[in-house]
Amino acid sequence: MELKAYIKNEFDGLKRVSTRILDTLTQQEMSWRPACGCNSMGLILFHIARSEDSFIQPTLQNKPQVWESERWYQKMDLTAGEIGAHFTIDQVNSFPVPDMKDILAYYEAVRAQTLNYLNNLDPQEFDKQVKLRFGDFTVAGIFSLIVNHTAEHLGEISYLRGMLRGMDK
């Protein structure tokens, strides 16, 4: 299997998992936190989308993030500088979880840009080295990072859903 096809297959799997996990959750449930300082499912989902946006747009394409170019911060009533990561406990506790439909629409817009970039990527570019604040990666390694990062956080959302609703509810 070609690398592009494999990455798309991984993204399809993540979409199936996220659809199953998020199905029927209410806005109140997306905002629920099990204790002070703990992330809500909505904050985690927001973080996943913001992270992918930052990896694909400015890091790999030297373009503005979808967050900025499509003014998602206005649609979600957040600041343009909201990066969705590295929060203090106070920031976690006070984060106003945007409407889930808006988070999902933003995430879909980000994923569309990710797939557009992937579809137009020359296969030799997968080996290009990219500097991140936490180390050097190849372009292929960044795609792997996105897939693993997303899967890890979807597991957290699934766990929180289970805490809130019980098994398979």
N, C-alpha and C. Protein backbone atom coordinates (compact mmCIF):
# COMPACT_ATOMS: atom_id res chain seq x y z
N MET A 1 0.84 -1.18 0.00
CA MET A 1 0.00 0.00 0.00
C MET A 1 0.89 1.24 0.00
N GLU A 2 0.53 2.19 -0.81
CA GLU A 2 1.23 3.46 -0.90
C GLU A 2 1.03 4.26 0.40
N LEU A 3 2.02 5.05 0.77
CA LEU A 3 1.99 5.80 2.03
C LEU A 3 0.79 6.74 2.10
N LYS A 4 0.48 7.44 1.02
CA LYS A 4 -0.69 8.34 1.04
C LYS A 4 -1.97 7.56 1.34
N ALA A 5 -2.13 6.42 0.71
CA ALA A 5 -3.32 5.60 0.93
C ALA A 5 -3.37 5.11 2.38
N TYR A 6 -2.22 4.75 2.92
CA TYR A 6 -2.17 4.30 4.31
C TYR A 6 -2.59 5.41 5.28
N ILE A 7 -2.06 6.61 5.06
CA ILE A 7 -2.42 7.74 5.93
C ILE A 7 -3.91 8.03 5.83
N LYS A 8 -4.45 8.02 4.62
CA LYS A 8 -5.90 8.25 4.44
C LYS A 8 -6.70 7.17 5.16
N ASN A 9 -6.23 5.94 5.10
CA ASN A 9 -6.89 4.83 5.80
C ASN A 9 -6.90 5.08 7.31
N GLU A 10 -5.79 5.57 7.83
CA GLU A 10 -5.71 5.89 9.26
C GLU A 10 -6.69 7.02 9.61
N PHE A 11 -6.75 8.04 8.78
CA PHE A 11 -7.69 9.14 9.01
C PHE A 11 -9.14 8.64 8.97
N ASP A 12 -9.44 7.74 8.03
CA ASP A 12 -10.80 7.16 7.97
C ASP A 12 -11.12 6.41 9.26
N GLY A 13 -10.16 5.66 9.78
CA GLY A 13 -10.36 4.94 11.03
C GLY A 13 -10.60 5.88 12.19
N LEU A 14 -9.85 6.97 12.25
CA LEU A 14 -10.05 7.96 13.31
C LEU A 14 -11.42 8.61 13.21
N LYS A 15 -11.89 8.84 11.99
CA LYS A 15 -13.22 9.42 11.79
C LYS A 15 -14.30 8.47 12.30
N ARG A 16 -14.16 7.18 12.00
CA ARG A 16 -15.14 6.18 12.48
C ARG A 16 -15.17 6.17 14.01
N VAL A 17 -14.00 6.17 14.62
CA VAL A 17 -13.92 6.15 16.08
C VAL A 17 -14.53 7.41 16.68
N SER A 18 -14.17 8.57 16.13
CA SER A 18 -14.69 9.81 16.69
C SER A 18 -16.20 9.90 16.53
N THR A 19 -16.71 9.45 15.41
CA THR A 19 -18.17 9.46 15.20
C THR A 19 -18.86 8.59 16.24
N ARG A 20 -18.32 7.41 16.49
CA ARG A 20 -18.90 6.51 17.49
C ARG A 20 -18.83 7.12 18.89
N ILE A 21 -17.70 7.68 19.24
CA ILE A 21 -17.51 8.23 20.58
C ILE A 21 -18.39 9.46 20.82
N LEU A 22 -18.48 10.32 19.84
CA LEU A 22 -19.19 11.59 20.01
C LEU A 22 -20.69 11.48 19.79
N ASP A 23 -21.12 10.37 19.21
CA ASP A 23 -22.53 10.18 18.89
C ASP A 23 -23.41 10.37 20.11
N THR A 24 -24.40 11.19 19.99
CA THR A 24 -25.45 11.47 20.98
C THR A 24 -24.98 12.27 22.20
N LEU A 25 -23.72 12.69 22.24
CA LEU A 25 -23.30 13.51 23.38
C LEU A 25 -23.96 14.89 23.29
N THR A 26 -24.37 15.38 24.42
CA THR A 26 -24.99 16.71 24.48
C THR A 26 -23.90 17.76 24.73
N GLN A 27 -24.27 19.00 24.56
CA GLN A 27 -23.33 20.10 24.85
C GLN A 27 -22.93 20.08 26.32
N GLN A 28 -23.89 19.80 27.17
CA GLN A 28 -23.58 19.73 28.61
C GLN A 28 -22.57 18.62 28.89
N GLU A 29 -22.73 17.48 28.24
CA GLU A 29 -21.78 16.38 28.43
C GLU A 29 -20.41 16.74 27.87
N MET A 30 -20.37 17.44 26.73
CA MET A 30 -19.09 17.84 26.14
C MET A 30 -18.34 18.82 27.05
N SER A 31 -19.07 19.54 27.87
CA SER A 31 -18.47 20.52 28.78
C SER A 31 -18.14 19.95 30.16
N TRP A 32 -18.63 18.76 30.45
CA TRP A 32 -18.45 18.15 31.77
C TRP A 32 -16.98 17.83 32.02
N ARG A 33 -16.53 18.09 33.25
CA ARG A 33 -15.18 17.74 33.69
C ARG A 33 -15.31 16.91 34.95
N PRO A 34 -14.56 15.83 35.07
CA PRO A 34 -14.70 14.95 36.23
C PRO A 34 -14.21 15.58 37.54
N ALA A 35 -13.35 16.59 37.46
CA ALA A 35 -12.83 17.26 38.65
C ALA A 35 -12.17 18.56 38.23
N CYS A 36 -11.89 19.38 39.19
CA CYS A 36 -11.19 20.65 38.97
C CYS A 36 -9.86 20.38 38.27
N GLY A 37 -9.59 21.13 37.22
CA GLY A 37 -8.32 20.99 36.51
C GLY A 37 -8.29 19.90 35.46
N CYS A 38 -9.38 19.16 35.31
CA CYS A 38 -9.44 18.10 34.29
C CYS A 38 -10.07 18.64 33.01
N ASN A 39 -9.59 18.16 31.90
CA ASN A 39 -10.13 18.58 30.60
C ASN A 39 -11.52 18.01 30.39
N SER A 40 -12.33 18.78 29.70
CA SER A 40 -13.63 18.30 29.24
C SER A 40 -13.44 17.61 27.89
N MET A 41 -14.43 16.84 27.47
CA MET A 41 -14.37 16.21 26.15
C MET A 41 -14.31 17.28 25.07
N GLY A 42 -15.04 18.38 25.27
CA GLY A 42 -15.04 19.46 24.29
C GLY A 42 -13.68 20.12 24.15
N LEU A 43 -13.01 20.33 25.27
CA LEU A 43 -11.68 20.93 25.22
C LEU A 43 -10.70 19.99 24.53
N ILE A 44 -10.80 18.71 24.81
CA ILE A 44 -9.90 17.75 24.16
C ILE A 44 -10.14 17.73 22.65
N LEU A 45 -11.39 17.70 22.24
CA LEU A 45 -11.71 17.70 20.81
C LEU A 45 -11.20 18.98 20.15
N PHE A 46 -11.40 20.10 20.81
CA PHE A 46 -10.90 21.38 20.32
C PHE A 46 -9.37 21.33 20.16
N HIS A 47 -8.69 20.78 21.15
CA HIS A 47 -7.23 20.64 21.12
C HIS A 47 -6.77 19.79 19.93
N ILE A 48 -7.47 18.70 19.67
CA ILE A 48 -7.11 17.83 18.54
C ILE A 48 -7.15 18.63 17.24
N ALA A 49 -8.23 19.35 17.04
CA ALA A 49 -8.40 20.12 15.80
C ALA A 49 -7.36 21.23 15.68
N ARG A 50 -7.15 21.96 16.78
CA ARG A 50 -6.18 23.07 16.76
C ARG A 50 -4.77 22.54 16.48
N SER A 51 -4.44 21.39 17.07
CA SER A 51 -3.10 20.82 16.87
C SER A 51 -2.87 20.44 15.41
N GLU A 52 -3.84 19.75 14.82
CA GLU A 52 -3.68 19.36 13.42
C GLU A 52 -3.55 20.60 12.53
N ASP A 53 -4.35 21.60 12.80
CA ASP A 53 -4.28 22.84 12.04
C ASP A 53 -2.87 23.43 12.13
N SER A 54 -2.29 23.46 13.32
CA SER A 54 -0.96 24.07 13.48
C SER A 54 0.13 23.23 12.83
N PHE A 55 -0.02 21.92 12.80
CA PHE A 55 0.98 21.08 12.15
C PHE A 55 0.92 21.23 10.62
N ILE A 56 -0.26 21.21 10.06
CA ILE A 56 -0.40 21.18 8.60
C ILE A 56 -0.22 22.55 7.96
N GLN A 57 -0.88 23.55 8.49
CA GLN A 57 -0.86 24.85 7.80
C GLN A 57 0.48 25.57 7.95
N PRO A 58 0.82 26.11 9.11
CA PRO A 58 2.07 26.88 9.19
C PRO A 58 3.33 26.00 9.15
N THR A 59 3.27 24.85 9.78
CA THR A 59 4.48 24.03 9.89
C THR A 59 4.87 23.39 8.56
N LEU A 60 3.91 22.75 7.89
CA LEU A 60 4.25 22.05 6.64
C LEU A 60 4.03 22.89 5.38
N GLN A 61 3.10 23.85 5.44
CA GLN A 61 2.79 24.59 4.22
C GLN A 61 3.15 26.08 4.28
N ASN A 62 3.58 26.52 5.45
CA ASN A 62 3.90 27.94 5.63
C ASN A 62 2.69 28.83 5.26
N LYS A 63 1.51 28.39 5.68
CA LYS A 63 0.26 29.12 5.44
C LYS A 63 -0.37 29.47 6.78
N PRO A 64 -1.26 30.45 6.78
CA PRO A 64 -2.00 30.72 8.01
C PRO A 64 -2.89 29.55 8.37
N GLN A 65 -3.12 29.37 9.65
CA GLN A 65 -4.01 28.30 10.09
C GLN A 65 -5.44 28.57 9.62
N VAL A 66 -6.19 27.50 9.43
CA VAL A 66 -7.61 27.59 9.10
C VAL A 66 -8.32 28.42 10.18
N TRP A 67 -7.88 28.27 11.40
CA TRP A 67 -8.40 29.02 12.54
C TRP A 67 -8.40 30.53 12.25
N GLU A 68 -7.32 30.98 11.63
CA GLU A 68 -7.19 32.40 11.31
C GLU A 68 -7.82 32.75 9.96
N SER A 69 -7.48 31.99 8.92
CA SER A 69 -7.91 32.34 7.57
C SER A 69 -9.43 32.28 7.40
N GLU A 70 -10.08 31.39 8.12
CA GLU A 70 -11.54 31.28 8.02
C GLU A 70 -12.24 31.87 9.24
N ARG A 71 -11.46 32.52 10.09
CA ARG A 71 -11.98 33.22 11.27
C ARG A 71 -12.85 32.33 12.18
N TRP A 72 -12.37 31.12 12.43
CA TRP A 72 -13.10 30.22 13.32
C TRP A 72 -13.15 30.75 14.74
N TYR A 73 -12.17 31.52 15.13
CA TYR A 73 -12.18 32.09 16.48
C TYR A 73 -13.40 32.98 16.67
N GLN A 74 -13.82 33.69 15.61
CA GLN A 74 -15.03 34.52 15.72
C GLN A 74 -16.28 33.64 15.80
N LYS A 75 -16.30 32.58 15.01
CA LYS A 75 -17.46 31.68 15.00
C LYS A 75 -17.64 30.99 16.35
N MET A 76 -16.52 30.78 17.07
CA MET A 76 -16.59 30.11 18.36
C MET A 76 -16.50 31.07 19.54
N ASP A 77 -16.46 32.36 19.25
CA ASP A 77 -16.39 33.39 20.28
C ASP A 77 -15.18 33.20 21.20
N LEU A 78 -14.04 32.95 20.56
CA LEU A 78 -12.77 32.82 21.27
C LEU A 78 -11.79 33.84 20.68
N THR A 79 -10.61 33.92 21.24
CA THR A 79 -9.62 34.86 20.72
C THR A 79 -8.85 34.24 19.56
N ALA A 80 -8.34 35.08 18.69
CA ALA A 80 -7.54 34.60 17.57
C ALA A 80 -6.29 33.87 18.06
N GLY A 81 -5.79 34.26 19.23
CA GLY A 81 -4.58 33.66 19.78
C GLY A 81 -4.80 32.38 20.56
N GLU A 82 -6.02 31.89 20.61
CA GLU A 82 -6.32 30.66 21.36
C GLU A 82 -5.70 29.47 20.64
N ILE A 83 -4.64 28.90 21.22
CA ILE A 83 -3.94 27.80 20.56
C ILE A 83 -4.48 26.42 20.93
N GLY A 84 -5.30 26.36 21.99
CA GLY A 84 -5.90 25.08 22.36
C GLY A 84 -4.96 24.11 23.04
N ALA A 85 -3.90 24.62 23.64
CA ALA A 85 -2.91 23.74 24.29
C ALA A 85 -2.17 24.51 25.38
N HIS A 86 -1.48 23.75 26.22
CA HIS A 86 -0.61 24.30 27.26
C HIS A 86 -1.37 25.19 28.25
N PHE A 87 -2.56 24.75 28.62
CA PHE A 87 -3.40 25.51 29.54
C PHE A 87 -2.93 25.34 30.98
N THR A 88 -3.14 26.38 31.75
CA THR A 88 -2.98 26.28 33.20
C THR A 88 -4.28 25.66 33.74
N ILE A 89 -4.25 25.29 35.01
CA ILE A 89 -5.47 24.75 35.63
C ILE A 89 -6.60 25.77 35.57
N ASP A 90 -6.29 27.01 35.82
CA ASP A 90 -7.32 28.05 35.76
C ASP A 90 -7.91 28.18 34.36
N GLN A 91 -7.08 28.07 33.34
CA GLN A 91 -7.58 28.15 31.96
C GLN A 91 -8.45 26.94 31.62
N VAL A 92 -8.04 25.76 32.07
CA VAL A 92 -8.86 24.56 31.85
C VAL A 92 -10.21 24.73 32.52
N ASN A 93 -10.19 25.19 33.77
CA ASN A 93 -11.44 25.34 34.53
C ASN A 93 -12.38 26.38 33.92
N SER A 94 -11.83 27.37 33.27
CA SER A 94 -12.67 28.45 32.75
C SER A 94 -12.90 28.38 31.23
N PHE A 95 -12.36 27.35 30.57
CA PHE A 95 -12.49 27.27 29.11
C PHE A 95 -13.96 27.15 28.72
N PRO A 96 -14.46 28.08 27.90
CA PRO A 96 -15.85 28.02 27.46
C PRO A 96 -15.97 27.09 26.25
N VAL A 97 -16.37 25.86 26.48
CA VAL A 97 -16.42 24.88 25.39
C VAL A 97 -17.38 25.38 24.30
N PRO A 98 -16.86 25.60 23.11
CA PRO A 98 -17.73 26.04 22.01
C PRO A 98 -18.76 24.95 21.69
N ASP A 99 -19.78 25.34 20.97
CA ASP A 99 -20.80 24.39 20.55
C ASP A 99 -20.13 23.25 19.78
N MET A 100 -20.52 22.01 20.10
CA MET A 100 -19.88 20.85 19.48
C MET A 100 -20.00 20.91 17.96
N LYS A 101 -21.12 21.37 17.43
CA LYS A 101 -21.25 21.43 15.96
C LYS A 101 -20.21 22.38 15.36
N ASP A 102 -19.85 23.45 16.09
CA ASP A 102 -18.83 24.37 15.60
C ASP A 102 -17.45 23.74 15.68
N ILE A 103 -17.16 23.05 16.78
CA ILE A 103 -15.86 22.37 16.88
C ILE A 103 -15.72 21.35 15.76
N LEU A 104 -16.78 20.56 15.53
CA LEU A 104 -16.73 19.54 14.49
C LEU A 104 -16.61 20.15 13.09
N ALA A 105 -17.30 21.27 12.86
CA ALA A 105 -17.21 21.93 11.55
C ALA A 105 -15.79 22.47 11.33
N TYR A 106 -15.20 23.04 12.37
CA TYR A 106 -13.82 23.52 12.28
C TYR A 106 -12.88 22.35 12.00
N TYR A 107 -13.06 21.26 12.75
CA TYR A 107 -12.21 20.08 12.57
C TYR A 107 -12.34 19.53 11.15
N GLU A 108 -13.54 19.52 10.60
CA GLU A 108 -13.74 19.06 9.22
C GLU A 108 -13.04 19.99 8.23
N ALA A 109 -13.07 21.30 8.49
CA ALA A 109 -12.38 22.25 7.63
C ALA A 109 -10.87 22.03 7.68
N VAL A 110 -10.36 21.76 8.88
CA VAL A 110 -8.94 21.46 9.04
C VAL A 110 -8.58 20.18 8.30
N ARG A 111 -9.38 19.13 8.51
CA ARG A 111 -9.09 17.84 7.87
C ARG A 111 -9.15 17.97 6.34
N ALA A 112 -10.06 18.77 5.83
CA ALA A 112 -10.14 18.98 4.38
C ALA A 112 -8.82 19.58 3.87
N GLN A 113 -8.25 20.53 4.60
CA GLN A 113 -6.98 21.12 4.21
C GLN A 113 -5.84 20.11 4.35
N THR A 114 -5.91 19.28 5.39
CA THR A 114 -4.91 18.23 5.56
C THR A 114 -4.92 17.28 4.38
N LEU A 115 -6.12 16.83 3.99
CA LEU A 115 -6.24 15.89 2.87
C LEU A 115 -5.84 16.54 1.55
N ASN A 116 -6.16 17.80 1.37
CA ASN A 116 -5.75 18.52 0.17
C ASN A 116 -4.23 18.56 0.08
N TYR A 117 -3.59 18.87 1.21
CA TYR A 117 -2.12 18.89 1.24
C TYR A 117 -1.57 17.49 0.95
N LEU A 118 -2.13 16.49 1.61
CA LEU A 118 -1.66 15.11 1.41
C LEU A 118 -1.84 14.67 -0.04
N ASN A 119 -3.00 14.94 -0.62
CA ASN A 119 -3.28 14.53 -1.99
C ASN A 119 -2.32 15.15 -3.00
N ASN A 120 -1.84 16.35 -2.72
CA ASN A 120 -0.96 17.06 -3.64
C ASN A 120 0.52 16.94 -3.28
N LEU A 121 0.81 16.16 -2.26
CA LEU A 121 2.19 16.01 -1.79
C LEU A 121 2.97 15.07 -2.71
N ASP A 122 4.12 15.53 -3.15
CA ASP A 122 5.03 14.70 -3.94
C ASP A 122 5.59 13.63 -2.99
N PRO A 123 5.54 12.36 -3.37
CA PRO A 123 6.00 11.29 -2.47
C PRO A 123 7.40 11.50 -1.88
N GLN A 124 8.30 12.17 -2.60
CA GLN A 124 9.64 12.42 -2.08
C GLN A 124 9.61 13.41 -0.91
N GLU A 125 8.57 14.21 -0.81
CA GLU A 125 8.46 15.19 0.27
C GLU A 125 8.24 14.55 1.64
N PHE A 126 7.80 13.29 1.67
CA PHE A 126 7.60 12.61 2.95
C PHE A 126 8.89 12.51 3.76
N ASP A 127 10.01 12.53 3.08
CA ASP A 127 11.31 12.41 3.75
C ASP A 127 11.91 13.75 4.18
N LYS A 128 11.29 14.84 3.80
CA LYS A 128 11.80 16.17 4.15
C LYS A 128 11.79 16.34 5.67
N GLN A 129 12.88 16.90 6.21
CA GLN A 129 13.01 17.14 7.65
C GLN A 129 12.36 18.46 8.03
N VAL A 130 11.62 18.44 9.14
CA VAL A 130 10.93 19.62 9.64
C VAL A 130 11.27 19.78 11.12
N LYS A 131 11.60 20.99 11.51
CA LYS A 131 11.91 21.27 12.91
C LYS A 131 10.64 21.65 13.65
N LEU A 132 10.39 20.97 14.75
CA LEU A 132 9.31 21.31 15.66
C LEU A 132 9.94 21.71 16.98
N ARG A 133 9.16 22.32 17.84
CA ARG A 133 9.73 22.78 19.12
C ARG A 133 10.19 21.61 19.99
N PHE A 134 9.70 20.40 19.71
CA PHE A 134 10.08 19.24 20.52
C PHE A 134 10.87 18.20 19.73
N GLY A 135 11.50 18.65 18.64
CA GLY A 135 12.38 17.75 17.90
C GLY A 135 12.21 17.86 16.39
N ASP A 136 13.06 17.14 15.68
CA ASP A 136 13.00 17.11 14.22
C ASP A 136 12.20 15.90 13.77
N PHE A 137 11.38 16.11 12.75
CA PHE A 137 10.54 15.05 12.20
C PHE A 137 10.60 15.13 10.68
N THR A 138 10.31 14.01 10.04
CA THR A 138 10.06 14.05 8.61
C THR A 138 8.59 14.43 8.42
N VAL A 139 8.23 14.79 7.21
CA VAL A 139 6.82 15.07 6.91
C VAL A 139 5.99 13.83 7.22
N ALA A 140 6.48 12.66 6.83
CA ALA A 140 5.77 11.41 7.16
C ALA A 140 5.64 11.25 8.66
N GLY A 141 6.67 11.61 9.39
CA GLY A 141 6.63 11.54 10.85
C GLY A 141 5.59 12.47 11.45
N ILE A 142 5.39 13.62 10.84
CA ILE A 142 4.35 14.54 11.33
C ILE A 142 2.97 13.95 11.09
N PHE A 143 2.77 13.30 9.96
CA PHE A 143 1.48 12.62 9.74
C PHE A 143 1.28 11.51 10.78
N SER A 144 2.34 10.78 11.08
CA SER A 144 2.26 9.76 12.12
C SER A 144 1.94 10.39 13.46
N LEU A 145 2.57 11.51 13.76
CA LEU A 145 2.31 12.24 14.99
C LEU A 145 0.84 12.65 15.08
N ILE A 146 0.29 13.18 14.00
CA ILE A 146 -1.12 13.59 13.98
C ILE A 146 -2.03 12.39 14.26
N VAL A 147 -1.78 11.28 13.59
CA VAL A 147 -2.62 10.09 13.78
C VAL A 147 -2.53 9.60 15.23
N ASN A 148 -1.33 9.48 15.76
CA ASN A 148 -1.16 8.99 17.13
C ASN A 148 -1.70 9.97 18.16
N HIS A 149 -1.46 11.24 17.97
CA HIS A 149 -1.96 12.27 18.87
C HIS A 149 -3.49 12.22 18.91
N THR A 150 -4.11 12.14 17.75
CA THR A 150 -5.57 12.09 17.67
C THR A 150 -6.10 10.83 18.34
N ALA A 151 -5.50 9.68 18.05
CA ALA A 151 -5.96 8.42 18.65
C ALA A 151 -5.84 8.46 20.17
N GLU A 152 -4.75 9.01 20.66
CA GLU A 152 -4.54 9.11 22.11
C GLU A 152 -5.65 9.94 22.75
N HIS A 153 -5.94 11.08 22.16
CA HIS A 153 -6.95 11.96 22.74
C HIS A 153 -8.38 11.43 22.54
N LEU A 154 -8.63 10.72 21.45
CA LEU A 154 -9.94 10.09 21.30
C LEU A 154 -10.14 9.03 22.38
N GLY A 155 -9.07 8.37 22.77
CA GLY A 155 -9.15 7.43 23.89
C GLY A 155 -9.53 8.13 25.18
N GLU A 156 -8.98 9.31 25.40
CA GLU A 156 -9.34 10.08 26.59
C GLU A 156 -10.82 10.47 26.55
N ILE A 157 -11.29 10.91 25.39
CA ILE A 157 -12.70 11.28 25.26
C ILE A 157 -13.58 10.07 25.51
N SER A 158 -13.20 8.93 24.97
CA SER A 158 -13.96 7.70 25.18
C SER A 158 -14.02 7.33 26.66
N TYR A 159 -12.90 7.49 27.34
CA TYR A 159 -12.85 7.20 28.77
C TYR A 159 -13.77 8.13 29.55
N LEU A 160 -13.73 9.42 29.24
CA LEU A 160 -14.59 10.38 29.90
C LEU A 160 -16.06 10.09 29.63
N ARG A 161 -16.36 9.72 28.39
CA ARG A 161 -17.74 9.35 28.06
C ARG A 161 -18.18 8.17 28.91
N GLY A 162 -17.32 7.19 29.05
CA GLY A 162 -17.63 6.02 29.88
C GLY A 162 -17.83 6.41 31.34
N MET A 163 -17.01 7.32 31.86
CA MET A 163 -17.17 7.78 33.24
C MET A 163 -18.53 8.46 33.42
N LEU A 164 -18.92 9.21 32.42
CA LEU A 164 -20.14 9.99 32.51
C LEU A 164 -21.39 9.16 32.28
N ARG A 165 -21.34 8.25 31.31
CA ARG A 165 -22.54 7.50 30.90
C ARG A 165 -22.51 6.02 31.27
N GLY A 166 -21.34 5.49 31.52
CA GLY A 166 -21.24 4.04 31.70
C GLY A 166 -20.86 3.39 30.38
N MET A 167 -20.70 2.09 30.40
CA MET A 167 -20.25 1.34 29.22
C MET A 167 -21.27 1.40 28.09
N ASP A 168 -20.78 1.71 26.90
CA ASP A 168 -21.58 1.65 25.65
C ASP A 168 -22.93 2.33 25.75
N LYS A 169 -23.00 3.48 26.38
CA LYS A 169 -24.26 4.21 26.48
C LYS A 169 -24.11 5.59 25.88
